[in-house]
C-alpha atoms as a PDB file:
ATOM      1  CA  MET A   1      55.102  99.547 121.272  1.00  0.00           C
ATOM      2  CA  LYS A   2      54.259  96.029 122.240  1.00  0.00           C
ATOM      3  CA  PHE A   3      53.575  93.430 119.463  1.00  0.00           C
ATOM      4  CA  LEU A   4      50.231  91.642 119.417  1.00  0.00           C
ATOM      5  CA  ASP A   5      49.119  89.534 116.403  1.00  0.00           C
ATOM      6  CA  HIS A   6      45.859  88.001 117.794  1.00  0.00           C
ATOM      7  CA  ALA A   7      42.869  89.706 119.281  1.00  0.00           C
ATOM      8  CA  ARG A   8      39.269  88.642 120.085  1.00  0.00           C
ATOM      9  CA  VAL A   9      36.692  91.367 119.579  1.00  0.00           C
ATOM     10  CA  GLU A  10      32.985  91.673 120.388  1.00  0.00           C
ATOM     11  CA  ILE A  11      31.057  93.827 117.956  1.00  0.00           C
ATOM     12  CA  ARG A  12      27.435  94.868 117.639  1.00  0.00           C
ATOM     13  CA  SER A  13      25.743  97.027 115.015  1.00  0.00           C
ATOM     14  CA  GLY A  14      23.014  99.512 116.079  1.00  0.00           C
ATOM     15  CA  ALA A  15      19.301  98.804 115.925  1.00  0.00           C
ATOM     16  CA  GLY A  16      17.063 100.904 113.767  1.00  0.00           C
ATOM     17  CA  GLY A  17      14.822 103.457 115.332  1.00  0.00           C
ATOM     18  CA  ALA A  18      11.052 102.816 115.681  1.00  0.00           C
ATOM     19  CA  GLY A  19       8.626 104.527 113.384  1.00  0.00           C
ATOM     20  CA  CYS A  20       6.261 107.141 114.861  1.00  0.00           C
ATOM     21  CA  VAL A  21       2.486 107.063 115.155  1.00  0.00           C
ATOM     22  CA  SER A  22       1.393 110.698 114.901  1.00  0.00           C
ATOM     23  CA  PHE A  23      -1.467 112.792 113.454  1.00  0.00           C
ATOM     24  CA  ARG A  24      -1.380 116.338 112.261  1.00  0.00           C
ATOM     25  CA  ARG A  25      -3.142 118.561 114.790  1.00  0.00           C
ATOM     26  CA  GLU A  26      -3.273 122.215 113.753  1.00  0.00           C
ATOM     27  CA  LYS A  27      -5.863 124.988 114.096  1.00  0.00           C
ATOM     28  CA  PHE A  28      -8.050 125.394 111.022  1.00  0.00           C
ATOM     29  CA  VAL A  29      -6.713 122.149 109.482  1.00  0.00           C
ATOM     30  CA  GLU A  30      -9.473 119.582 109.291  1.00  0.00           C
ATOM     31  CA  PHE A  31      -8.637 115.911 108.877  1.00  0.00           C
ATOM     32  CA  GLY A  32      -4.934 116.571 109.105  1.00  0.00           C
ATOM     33  CA  GLY A  33      -4.133 112.891 108.675  1.00  0.00           C
ATOM     34  CA  PRO A  34      -1.077 110.798 109.731  1.00  0.00           C
ATOM     35  CA  ASP A  35       2.321 112.468 109.781  1.00  0.00           C
ATOM     36  CA  GLY A  36       4.547 110.013 111.712  1.00  0.00           C
ATOM     37  CA  GLY A  37       8.162 109.848 110.381  1.00  0.00           C
ATOM     38  CA  ASP A  38      10.440 106.882 109.923  1.00  0.00           C
ATOM     39  CA  GLY A  39      13.054 105.764 112.356  1.00  0.00           C
ATOM     40  CA  GLY A  40      16.767 106.258 111.673  1.00  0.00           C
ATOM     41  CA  LYS A  41      19.193 103.520 110.611  1.00  0.00           C
ATOM     42  CA  GLY A  42      21.506 101.890 113.162  1.00  0.00           C
ATOM     43  CA  GLY A  43      25.236 102.271 112.855  1.00  0.00           C
ATOM     44  CA  ASP A  44      27.304  99.710 110.887  1.00  0.00           C
ATOM     45  CA  VAL A  45      30.594  98.175 112.059  1.00  0.00           C
ATOM     46  CA  TRP A  46      33.411  98.130 109.490  1.00  0.00           C
ATOM     47  CA  ALA A  47      37.013  97.009 109.409  1.00  0.00           C
ATOM     48  CA  GLU A  48      39.596  99.000 107.420  1.00  0.00           C
ATOM     49  CA  ALA A  49      43.222  98.340 106.674  1.00  0.00           C
ATOM     50  CA  VAL A  50      45.400 101.341 107.216  1.00  0.00           C
ATOM     51  CA  ASP A  51      49.081 102.157 106.789  1.00  0.00           C
ATOM     52  CA  GLY A  52      51.300 102.994 109.810  1.00  0.00           C
ATOM     53  CA  LEU A  53      50.160 100.063 112.013  1.00  0.00           C
ATOM     54  CA  ASN A  54      52.034  96.805 112.532  1.00  0.00           C
ATOM     55  CA  THR A  55      50.433  95.429 115.708  1.00  0.00           C
ATOM     56  CA  LEU A  56      46.945  94.751 117.141  1.00  0.00           C
ATOM     57  CA  ILE A  57      47.871  96.103 120.519  1.00  0.00           C
ATOM     58  CA  ASP A  58      45.007  98.636 120.572  1.00  0.00           C
ATOM     59  CA  TYR A  59      42.586  95.704 120.771  1.00  0.00           C
ATOM     60  CA  ARG A  60      44.084  94.313 123.929  1.00  0.00           C
ATOM     61  CA  TYR A  61      42.712  97.309 125.911  1.00  0.00           C
ATOM     62  CA  GLN A  62      39.332  97.560 124.116  1.00  0.00           C
ATOM     63  CA  GLN A  63      37.555  94.496 122.961  1.00  0.00           C
ATOM     64  CA  HIS A  64      33.902  95.725 122.709  1.00  0.00           C
ATOM     65  CA  PHE A  65      32.723  97.917 119.829  1.00  0.00           C
ATOM     66  CA  PHE A  66      29.008  98.678 119.883  1.00  0.00           C
ATOM     67  CA  ALA A  67      27.459 101.052 117.404  1.00  0.00           C
ATOM     68  CA  ARG A  68      24.631 103.300 118.511  1.00  0.00           C
ATOM     69  CA  ASN A  69      20.983 102.787 117.671  1.00  0.00           C
ATOM     70  CA  GLY A  70      19.016 104.895 115.266  1.00  0.00           C
ATOM     71  CA  GLN A  71      16.720 107.566 116.698  1.00  0.00           C
ATOM     72  CA  PRO A  72      12.917 107.016 116.505  1.00  0.00           C
ATOM     73  CA  GLY A  73      10.878 108.979 114.091  1.00  0.00           C
ATOM     74  CA  ALA A  74       8.715 111.961 115.150  1.00  0.00           C
ATOM     75  CA  GLY A  75       5.614 113.836 114.130  1.00  0.00           C
ATOM     76  CA  LYS A  76       5.499 116.319 111.253  1.00  0.00           C
ATOM     77  CA  GLN A  77       7.045 113.677 109.078  1.00  0.00           C
ATOM     78  CA  ARG A  78      10.398 113.921 110.807  1.00  0.00           C
ATOM     79  CA  THR A  79      12.773 110.994 110.265  1.00  0.00           C
ATOM     80  CA  GLY A  80      14.989 109.976 113.152  1.00  0.00           C
ATOM     81  CA  ARG A  81      18.729 110.552 113.043  1.00  0.00           C
ATOM     82  CA  SER A  82      20.781 107.670 111.714  1.00  0.00           C
ATOM     83  CA  ALA A  83      23.662 106.504 113.999  1.00  0.00           C
ATOM     84  CA  GLU A  84      27.293 106.907 113.020  1.00  0.00           C
ATOM     85  CA  ASP A  85      29.259 103.866 111.848  1.00  0.00           C
ATOM     86  CA  ILE A  86      32.153 102.354 113.797  1.00  0.00           C
ATOM     87  CA  VAL A  87      35.437 101.537 111.943  1.00  0.00           C
ATOM     88  CA  LEU A  88      37.983  99.114 113.325  1.00  0.00           C
ATOM     89  CA  ARG A  89      41.320 100.292 111.969  1.00  0.00           C
ATOM     90  CA  VAL A  90      43.692  97.326 111.547  1.00  0.00           C
ATOM     91  CA  PRO A  91      47.205  96.836 110.063  1.00  0.00           C
ATOM     92  CA  VAL A  92      47.572  95.763 106.441  1.00  0.00           C
ATOM     93  CA  GLY A  93      47.721  91.972 106.428  1.00  0.00           C
ATOM     94  CA  THR A  94      45.047  91.405 109.024  1.00  0.00           C
ATOM     95  CA  GLU A  95      42.722  88.403 108.662  1.00  0.00           C
ATOM     96  CA  ILE A  96      39.259  88.489 110.166  1.00  0.00           C
ATOM     97  CA  LEU A  97      37.964  85.205 111.383  1.00  0.00           C
ATOM     98  CA  GLU A  98      34.729  83.899 112.891  1.00  0.00           C
ATOM     99  CA  ASP A  99      34.589  82.976 116.566  1.00  0.00           C
ATOM    100  CA  ASP A 100      35.752  79.449 115.776  1.00  0.00           C
ATOM    101  CA  GLY A 101      39.055  80.932 114.802  1.00  0.00           C
ATOM    102  CA  GLU A 102      39.146  79.067 111.526  1.00  0.00           C
ATOM    103  CA  THR A 103      36.378  80.458 109.206  1.00  0.00           C
ATOM    104  CA  LEU A 104      37.832  83.312 107.203  1.00  0.00           C
ATOM    105  CA  VAL A 105      35.587  86.372 106.862  1.00  0.00           C
ATOM    106  CA  ALA A 106      38.025  88.715 105.097  1.00  0.00           C
ATOM    107  CA  ASP A 107      41.721  89.208 104.367  1.00  0.00           C
ATOM    108  CA  LEU A 108      42.719  92.869 104.206  1.00  0.00           C
ATOM    109  CA  THR A 109      45.988  92.886 102.237  1.00  0.00           C
ATOM    110  CA  ARG A 110      45.921  96.443 100.848  1.00  0.00           C
ATOM    111  CA  ALA A 111      45.684  99.854 102.535  1.00  0.00           C
ATOM    112  CA  GLY A 112      42.174 101.268 102.222  1.00  0.00           C
ATOM    113  CA  GLU A 113      40.426  97.944 101.908  1.00  0.00           C
ATOM    114  CA  ARG A 114      37.206  97.825 103.933  1.00  0.00           C
ATOM    115  CA  VAL A 115      34.763  95.097 104.874  1.00  0.00           C
ATOM    116  CA  LEU A 116      31.335  95.311 106.492  1.00  0.00           C
ATOM    117  CA  LEU A 117      31.349  93.153 109.629  1.00  0.00           C
ATOM    118  CA  ALA A 118      27.847  93.952 111.051  1.00  0.00           C
ATOM    119  CA  GLN A 119      25.167  95.888 109.289  1.00  0.00           C
ATOM    120  CA  GLY A 120      22.959  98.257 111.276  1.00  0.00           C
ATOM    121  CA  GLY A 121      19.220  97.646 111.377  1.00  0.00           C
ATOM    122  CA  ASN A 122      16.928  99.745 109.091  1.00  0.00           C
ATOM    123  CA  GLY A 123      14.563 102.221 110.746  1.00  0.00           C
ATOM    124  CA  GLY A 124      10.854 101.336 111.084  1.00  0.00           C
ATOM    125  CA  TRP A 125       8.231 102.982 108.993  1.00  0.00           C
ATOM    126  CA  GLY A 126       6.057 105.672 110.505  1.00  0.00           C
ATOM    127  CA  ASN A 127       2.309 105.514 110.175  1.00  0.00           C
ATOM    128  CA  LEU A 128       2.403 107.993 107.272  1.00  0.00           C
ATOM    129  CA  ARG A 129       3.744 105.143 105.169  1.00  0.00           C
ATOM    130  CA  PHE A 130       0.593 103.089 105.775  1.00  0.00           C
ATOM    131  CA  LYS A 131      -1.920 105.642 104.636  1.00  0.00           C
ATOM    132  CA  THR A 132      -4.134 104.358 101.846  1.00  0.00           C
ATOM    133  CA  SER A 133      -7.411 105.362 100.254  1.00  0.00           C
ATOM    134  CA  THR A 134      -9.234 102.830 102.431  1.00  0.00           C
ATOM    135  CA  ASN A 135      -7.121 103.430 105.586  1.00  0.00           C
ATOM    136  CA  GLN A 136      -6.977 107.161 106.057  1.00  0.00           C
ATOM    137  CA  ALA A 137      -5.878 107.096 109.705  1.00  0.00           C
ATOM    138  CA  PRO A 138      -3.476 104.160 110.294  1.00  0.00           C
ATOM    139  CA  ARG A 139      -2.583 103.805 113.968  1.00  0.00           C
ATOM    140  CA  HIS A 140       0.415 101.533 113.759  1.00  0.00           C
ATOM    141  CA  ALA A 141       4.113 101.846 112.790  1.00  0.00           C
ATOM    142  CA  ASN A 142       7.020  99.443 112.405  1.00  0.00           C
ATOM    143  CA  PRO A 143       9.654  98.899 114.995  1.00  0.00           C
ATOM    144  CA  GLY A 144      13.260  99.251 113.868  1.00  0.00           C
ATOM    145  CA  GLN A 145      15.265  96.180 112.869  1.00  0.00           C
ATOM    146  CA  GLU A 146      17.571  94.662 115.439  1.00  0.00           C
ATOM    147  CA  GLY A 147      21.314  95.003 115.112  1.00  0.00           C
ATOM    148  CA  VAL A 148      23.789  92.195 114.547  1.00  0.00           C
ATOM    149  CA  GLU A 149      26.041  90.938 117.389  1.00  0.00           C
ATOM    150  CA  ARG A 150      29.021  88.702 116.782  1.00  0.00           C
ATOM    151  CA  THR A 151      32.452  87.746 118.049  1.00  0.00           C
ATOM    152  CA  ILE A 152      35.350  87.862 115.639  1.00  0.00           C
ATOM    153  CA  TRP A 153      39.074  87.161 115.808  1.00  0.00           C
ATOM    154  CA  LEU A 154      41.699  89.504 114.356  1.00  0.00           C
ATOM    155  CA  ARG A 155      44.921  87.771 113.160  1.00  0.00           C
ATOM    156  CA  LEU A 156      47.810  89.740 111.841  1.00  0.00           C
ATOM    157  CA  LYS A 157      50.126  88.245 109.248  1.00  0.00           C
ATOM    158  CA  LEU A 158      52.894  90.606 108.417  1.00  0.00           C
ATOM    159  CA  ILE A 159      53.314  91.255 104.674  1.00  0.00           C
ATOM    160  CA  ALA A 160      56.931  90.722 103.664  1.00  0.00           C
ATOM    161  CA  ASP A 161      58.757  89.595 100.457  1.00  0.00           C
ATOM    162  CA  ALA A 162      61.304  87.385 102.236  1.00  0.00           C
ATOM    163  CA  GLY A 163      61.188  85.612 105.584  1.00  0.00           C
ATOM    164  CA  LEU A 164      63.979  84.591 107.864  1.00  0.00           C
ATOM    165  CA  VAL A 165      63.737  81.201 109.572  1.00  0.00           C
ATOM    166  CA  GLY A 166      66.219  79.216 111.606  1.00  0.00           C
ATOM    167  CA  LEU A 167      67.200  77.999 115.047  1.00  0.00           C
ATOM    168  CA  PRO A 168      67.797  80.447 117.900  1.00  0.00           C
ATOM    169  CA  ASN A 169      71.264  82.104 117.626  1.00  0.00           C
ATOM    170  CA  ALA A 170      71.542  81.381 113.944  1.00  0.00           C
ATOM    171  CA  GLY A 171      72.257  85.055 113.368  1.00  0.00           C
ATOM    172  CA  LYS A 172      68.879  86.126 111.928  1.00  0.00           C
ATOM    173  CA  SER A 173      68.635  89.394 113.871  1.00  0.00           C
ATOM    174  CA  THR A 174      72.295  90.259 113.086  1.00  0.00           C
ATOM    175  CA  PHE A 175      71.654  89.606 109.380  1.00  0.00           C
ATOM    176  CA  LEU A 176      68.510  91.789 109.391  1.00  0.00           C
ATOM    177  CA  ALA A 177      70.361  94.586 111.169  1.00  0.00           C
ATOM    178  CA  ALA A 178      73.264  94.335 108.679  1.00  0.00           C
ATOM    179  CA  VAL A 179      71.020  94.634 105.531  1.00  0.00           C
ATOM    180  CA  SER A 180      68.373  97.080 106.711  1.00  0.00           C
ATOM    181  CA  ASN A 181      67.692  99.961 109.081  1.00  0.00           C
ATOM    182  CA  ALA A 182      65.911  97.665 111.481  1.00  0.00           C
ATOM    183  CA  ARG A 183      67.412  97.475 114.933  1.00  0.00           C
ATOM    184  CA  PRO A 184      66.372  94.204 116.511  1.00  0.00           C
ATOM    185  CA  LYS A 185      67.679  93.069 119.814  1.00  0.00           C
ATOM    186  CA  ILE A 186      70.961  91.133 119.455  1.00  0.00           C
ATOM    187  CA  ALA A 187      72.537  89.088 122.281  1.00  0.00           C
ATOM    188  CA  ASP A 188      74.551  85.941 122.778  1.00  0.00           C
ATOM    189  CA  TYR A 189      71.724  83.845 124.313  1.00  0.00           C
ATOM    190  CA  PRO A 190      68.808  81.976 122.647  1.00  0.00           C
ATOM    191  CA  PHE A 191      65.393  83.511 122.006  1.00  0.00           C
ATOM    192  CA  THR A 192      66.635  87.050 121.906  1.00  0.00           C
ATOM    193  CA  THR A 193      63.885  87.791 119.421  1.00  0.00           C
ATOM    194  CA  LEU A 194      60.506  87.447 121.035  1.00  0.00           C
ATOM    195  CA  HIS A 195      58.353  88.921 118.348  1.00  0.00           C
ATOM    196  CA  PRO A 196      58.577  89.339 114.526  1.00  0.00           C
ATOM    197  CA  GLY A 197      60.415  92.317 113.086  1.00  0.00           C
ATOM    198  CA  LEU A 198      60.404  93.932 109.660  1.00  0.00           C
ATOM    199  CA  GLY A 199      63.139  95.599 107.720  1.00  0.00           C
ATOM    200  CA  VAL A 200      63.409  97.271 104.234  1.00  0.00           C
ATOM    201  CA  VAL A 201      66.397  95.928 102.287  1.00  0.00           C
ATOM    202  CA  ALA A 202      67.960  97.813  99.344  1.00  0.00           C
ATOM    203  CA  VAL A 203      70.073  96.040  96.764  1.00  0.00           C
ATOM    204  CA  ASP A 204      71.084  97.275  93.257  1.00  0.00           C
ATOM    205  CA  GLY A 205      68.528 100.040  93.317  1.00  0.00           C
ATOM    206  CA  ALA A 206      65.591  97.931  94.324  1.00  0.00           C
ATOM    207  CA  GLU A 207      63.923  97.377  97.664  1.00  0.00           C
ATOM    208  CA  PHE A 208      62.085  94.515  99.318  1.00  0.00           C
ATOM    209  CA  VAL A 209      60.757  93.832 102.782  1.00  0.00           C
ATOM    210  CA  MET A 210      62.260  91.151 105.027  1.00  0.00           C
ATOM    211  CA  ALA A 211      60.597  89.594 108.120  1.00  0.00           C
ATOM    212  CA  ASP A 212      62.487  88.043 111.014  1.00  0.00           C
ATOM    213  CA  ILE A 213      60.589  85.684 113.278  1.00  0.00           C
ATOM    214  CA  PRO A 214      61.612  84.173 116.658  1.00  0.00           C
ATOM    215  CA  GLY A 215      63.770  81.085 116.365  1.00  0.00           C
ATOM    216  CA  LEU A 216      62.334  77.616 116.059  1.00  0.00           C
ATOM    217  CA  ILE A 217      63.469  74.562 117.899  1.00  0.00           C
ATOM    218  CA  GLU A 218      62.729  70.871 117.478  1.00  0.00           C
ATOM    219  CA  GLY A 219      59.114  70.251 118.534  1.00  0.00           C
ATOM    220  CA  ALA A 220      58.016  73.803 117.884  1.00  0.00           C
ATOM    221  CA  SER A 221      54.918  72.449 116.075  1.00  0.00           C
ATOM    222  CA  GLU A 222      54.005  70.776 119.377  1.00  0.00           C
ATOM    223  CA  GLY A 223      54.447  73.968 121.403  1.00  0.00           C
ATOM    224  CA  ARG A 224      57.988  73.673 122.530  1.00  0.00           C
ATOM    225  CA  GLY A 225      59.962  76.879 122.961  1.00  0.00           C
ATOM    226  CA  LEU A 226      57.949  79.762 121.524  1.00  0.00           C
ATOM    227  CA  GLY A 227      56.102  77.233 119.368  1.00  0.00           C
ATOM    228  CA  ASP A 228      55.228  77.938 115.736  1.00  0.00           C
ATOM    229  CA  ALA A 229      52.742  80.776 116.404  1.00  0.00           C
ATOM    230  CA  PHE A 230      54.868  83.254 114.541  1.00  0.00           C
ATOM    231  CA  LEU A 231      55.254  81.188 111.340  1.00  0.00           C
ATOM    232  CA  GLY A 232      52.081  82.742 110.063  1.00  0.00           C
ATOM    233  CA  HIS A 233      54.054  85.896 109.478  1.00  0.00           C
ATOM    234  CA  VAL A 234      56.016  84.287 106.710  1.00  0.00           C
ATOM    235  CA  GLU A 235      53.128  82.575 105.030  1.00  0.00           C
ATOM    236  CA  ARG A 236      52.810  85.505 102.591  1.00  0.00           C
ATOM    237  CA  CYS A 237      56.501  85.676 101.760  1.00  0.00           C
ATOM    238  CA  ALA A 238      57.663  84.906  98.255  1.00  0.00           C
ATOM    239  CA  VAL A 239      60.859  83.229  99.398  1.00  0.00           C
ATOM    240  CA  LEU A 240      62.289  81.899 102.706  1.00  0.00           C
ATOM    241  CA  LEU A 241      65.881  82.389 103.841  1.00  0.00           C
ATOM    242  CA  HIS A 242      66.959  79.553 106.069  1.00  0.00           C
ATOM    243  CA  LEU A 243      69.910  80.736 108.120  1.00  0.00           C
ATOM    244  CA  LEU A 244      72.233  78.198 109.764  1.00  0.00           C
ATOM    245  CA  ASP A 245      75.063  78.634 112.254  1.00  0.00           C
ATOM    246  CA  GLY A 246      78.022  77.448 110.240  1.00  0.00           C
ATOM    247  CA  ALA A 247      80.050  76.851 113.440  1.00  0.00           C
ATOM    248  CA  SER A 248      77.480  74.412 114.836  1.00  0.00           C
ATOM    249  CA  PRO A 249      78.800  70.875 115.359  1.00  0.00           C
ATOM    250  CA  THR A 250      75.313  69.551 114.367  1.00  0.00           C
ATOM    251  CA  LEU A 251      74.910  71.597 111.160  1.00  0.00           C
ATOM    252  CA  VAL A 252      73.006  68.976 109.114  1.00  0.00           C
ATOM    253  CA  ALA A 253      70.759  67.999 112.009  1.00  0.00           C
ATOM    254  CA  ASP A 254      69.972  71.700 112.501  1.00  0.00           C
ATOM    255  CA  TYR A 255      68.992  71.993 108.877  1.00  0.00           C
ATOM    256  CA  LYS A 256      66.700  68.969 109.071  1.00  0.00           C
ATOM    257  CA  VAL A 257      65.007  70.261 112.296  1.00  0.00           C
ATOM    258  CA  ILE A 258      63.756  73.444 110.584  1.00  0.00           C
ATOM    259  CA  ARG A 259      62.728  71.552 107.452  1.00  0.00           C
ATOM    260  CA  ARG A 260      60.622  69.166 109.552  1.00  0.00           C
ATOM    261  CA  GLU A 261      58.959  71.988 111.448  1.00  0.00           C
ATOM    262  CA  LEU A 262      58.023  73.847 108.251  1.00  0.00           C
ATOM    263  CA  GLU A 263      56.521  70.587 106.921  1.00  0.00           C
ATOM    264  CA  ALA A 264      54.652  70.018 110.181  1.00  0.00           C
ATOM    265  CA  TYR A 265      53.226  73.527 110.130  1.00  0.00           C
ATOM    266  CA  GLY A 266      51.854  73.171 106.640  1.00  0.00           C
ATOM    267  CA  GLN A 267      50.208  76.149 104.856  1.00  0.00           C
ATOM    268  CA  GLY A 268      52.571  75.624 101.877  1.00  0.00           C
ATOM    269  CA  LEU A 269      55.723  76.766 103.777  1.00  0.00           C
ATOM    270  CA  ALA A 270      57.686  73.645 102.881  1.00  0.00           C
ATOM    271  CA  GLU A 271      56.960  74.169  99.198  1.00  0.00           C
ATOM    272  CA  LYS A 272      58.033  77.817  99.068  1.00  0.00           C
ATOM    273  CA  PRO A 273      61.250  78.775  97.304  1.00  0.00           C
ATOM    274  CA  ARG A 274      64.013  78.564  99.913  1.00  0.00           C
ATOM    275  CA  LEU A 275      67.573  79.700 100.025  1.00  0.00           C
ATOM    276  CA  THR A 276      69.996  78.309 102.637  1.00  0.00           C
ATOM    277  CA  GLY A 277      72.430  80.663 104.196  1.00  0.00           C
ATOM    278  CA  LEU A 278      75.543  79.272 105.842  1.00  0.00           C
ATOM    279  CA  ASN A 279      76.138  82.054 108.429  1.00  0.00           C
ATOM    280  CA  LYS A 280      79.093  82.913 110.600  1.00  0.00           C
ATOM    281  CA  ILE A 281      81.719  81.782 108.079  1.00  0.00           C
ATOM    282  CA  ASP A 282      84.062  84.339 109.625  1.00  0.00           C
ATOM    283  CA  ALA A 283      84.604  81.719 112.282  1.00  0.00           C
ATOM    284  CA  LEU A 284      85.556  79.020 109.727  1.00  0.00           C
ATOM    285  CA  ASP A 285      88.387  78.487 107.301  1.00  0.00           C
ATOM    286  CA  ALA A 286      87.834  77.933 103.553  1.00  0.00           C
ATOM    287  CA  ARG A 287      88.098  74.138 103.821  1.00  0.00           C
ATOM    288  CA  ALA A 288      85.496  73.961 106.570  1.00  0.00           C
ATOM    289  CA  VAL A 289      83.124  76.160 104.599  1.00  0.00           C
ATOM    290  CA  GLU A 290      83.434  74.006 101.525  1.00  0.00           C
ATOM    291  CA  LYS A 291      82.874  70.854 103.604  1.00  0.00           C
ATOM    292  CA  ALA A 292      79.742  72.384 105.277  1.00  0.00           C
ATOM    293  CA  VAL A 293      78.285  73.422 101.898  1.00  0.00           C
ATOM    294  CA  LYS A 294      78.685  69.893 100.512  1.00  0.00           C
ATOM    295  CA  ALA A 295      77.100  68.367 103.604  1.00  0.00           C
ATOM    296  CA  LEU A 296      74.049  70.663 103.324  1.00  0.00           C
ATOM    297  CA  ARG A 297      73.585  69.974  99.629  1.00  0.00           C
ATOM    298  CA  LYS A 298      73.735  66.262 100.320  1.00  0.00           C
ATOM    299  CA  ALA A 299      71.036  66.722 102.977  1.00  0.00           C
ATOM    300  CA  GLY A 300      68.756  68.302 100.442  1.00  0.00           C
ATOM    301  CA  ALA A 301      69.521  71.998 100.424  1.00  0.00           C
ATOM    302  CA  GLU A 302      69.247  73.138  96.831  1.00  0.00           C
ATOM    303  CA  GLU A 303      71.099  76.461  96.944  1.00  0.00           C
ATOM    304  CA  VAL A 304      73.580  77.171  99.790  1.00  0.00           C
ATOM    305  CA  LEU A 305      75.309  80.524 100.014  1.00  0.00           C
ATOM    306  CA  PRO A 306      78.057  81.099 102.562  1.00  0.00           C
ATOM    307  CA  LEU A 307      77.901  84.505 104.331  1.00  0.00           C
ATOM    308  CA  SER A 308      78.638  86.391 107.510  1.00  0.00           C
ATOM    309  CA  GLY A 309      76.143  88.851 108.847  1.00  0.00           C
ATOM    310  CA  ALA A 310      78.778  90.240 111.225  1.00  0.00           C
ATOM    311  CA  THR A 311      81.428  91.094 108.650  1.00  0.00           C
ATOM    312  CA  GLY A 312      79.268  91.461 105.531  1.00  0.00           C
ATOM    313  CA  GLN A 313      81.045  88.705 103.613  1.00  0.00           C
ATOM    314  CA  GLY A 314      78.702  87.093 101.057  1.00  0.00           C
ATOM    315  CA  VAL A 315      75.746  89.260 102.185  1.00  0.00           C
ATOM    316  CA  GLN A 316      75.334  91.100  98.849  1.00  0.00           C
ATOM    317  CA  ASP A 317      75.308  87.808  96.892  1.00  0.00           C
ATOM    318  CA  MET A 318      72.557  86.491  99.184  1.00  0.00           C
ATOM    319  CA  LEU A 319      70.541  89.681  98.754  1.00  0.00           C
ATOM    320  CA  ARG A 320      70.823  89.463  94.940  1.00  0.00           C
ATOM    321  CA  ALA A 321      69.748  85.844  95.061  1.00  0.00           C
ATOM    322  CA  LEU A 322      66.747  86.813  97.188  1.00  0.00           C
ATOM    323  CA  ARG A 323      65.764  89.627  94.920  1.00  0.00           C
ATOM    324  CA  SER A 324      65.959  87.295  91.901  1.00  0.00           C
ATOM    325  CA  ARG A 325      63.591  84.799  93.525  1.00  0.00           C
ATOM    326  CA  ILE A 326      61.244  87.608  94.646  1.00  0.00           C
ATOM    327  CA  ASP A 327      61.083  89.092  91.141  1.00  0.00           C
ATOM    328  CA  ALA A 328      60.374  85.667  89.716  1.00  0.00           C
ATOM    329  CA  ALA A 329      57.501  85.113  92.230  1.00  0.00           C
ATOM    330  CA  ARG A 330      56.031  88.545  91.495  1.00  0.00           C
ATOM    331  CA  ALA A 331      56.163  87.914  87.762  1.00  0.00           C
ATOM    332  CA  ALA A 332      54.467  84.531  88.208  1.00  0.00           C
ATOM    333  CA  GLY A 333      51.768  86.132  90.353  1.00  0.00           C
ATOM    334  CA  ALA A 334      51.143  88.899  87.783  1.00  0.00           C
ATOM    335  CA  ALA A 335      51.141  86.663  84.693  1.00  0.00           C
ATOM    336  CA  PRO A 336      47.750  85.220  83.592  1.00  0.00           C
ATOM    337  CA  ALA A 337      47.259  81.537  84.144  1.00  0.00           C
ATOM    338  CA  GLU A 338      47.905  79.262  81.173  1.00  0.00           C
ATOM    339  CA  GLY A 339      44.770  78.878  79.081  1.00  0.00           C
ATOM    340  CA  ALA A 340      43.027  81.838  80.830  1.00  0.00           C
ATOM    341  CA  TRP A 341      40.665  83.944  78.762  1.00  0.00           C
ATOM    342  CA  ARG A 342      42.202  87.105  77.408  1.00  0.00           C
ATOM    343  CA  PRO A 343      40.206  89.985  75.927  1.00  0.00           C
END
């Protein structure tokens, strides 16, 4: 299945049915009076987050979702049929934006969450509703209300606990494949990963979700390479794992490139808890590893852990460190704010 994380959609709710002007006409019934029914309600347009989806590819092939109009009322006090609602089923983690692409309408972060995007028009009143003691034979009815038409953007941000960032060929896909059942494409050329991937990682009896995004390069915030379009998928992560190629001759410069790109992107990524993984240590001796770790710490990396995604060396230590940071972030999110009211 192809991956798509942005989609532009046109929606329109249904108009309400018109009320009916009708009078009772039966044999032996004198002065039957008005009996026009109300119109039916137009269909609503909803969005609902569902499990089992991780892409917006369905909305590449269908971009228009128009609900039906309500049926008009009829004589004998018959109300018109209301139209069925339309539900846009989207993956968990989907943001719904206005046509400007910036104004947030809703953020669906849990399965089963629903939001009303366009409300259907109410049906018009039939002439029976207008009967009074001084107006025994009203000859007018209300038209139904018009529907709502709007353009929205769907933007998917994958929900994961930990996010992998780094330069191309830093070993992110190899690491994800080594610690989870995910099977990303792995090759010896840059930009092997072209879209984000998710994997469920188990360590010491606990599980968490890890996201791998395409590699960043210098100038990604300005559109170079694949740009920074996929960084949105790690905005929700509790911790970032910055993987570096330990065999790179420009190790410190590589570290600074990713740090600058995270700062340029904004959205709080530069302030997130971050672990630095010195990958591919199977190609280095102990002295080179120690030297590389010291250089990274001097450059500003707070916690550097050597590892090898290919051989598994140091991988468990990294997973335990990630789990510790994730648990701390969850606890902080669940704890009430200091000074908050408590019952």
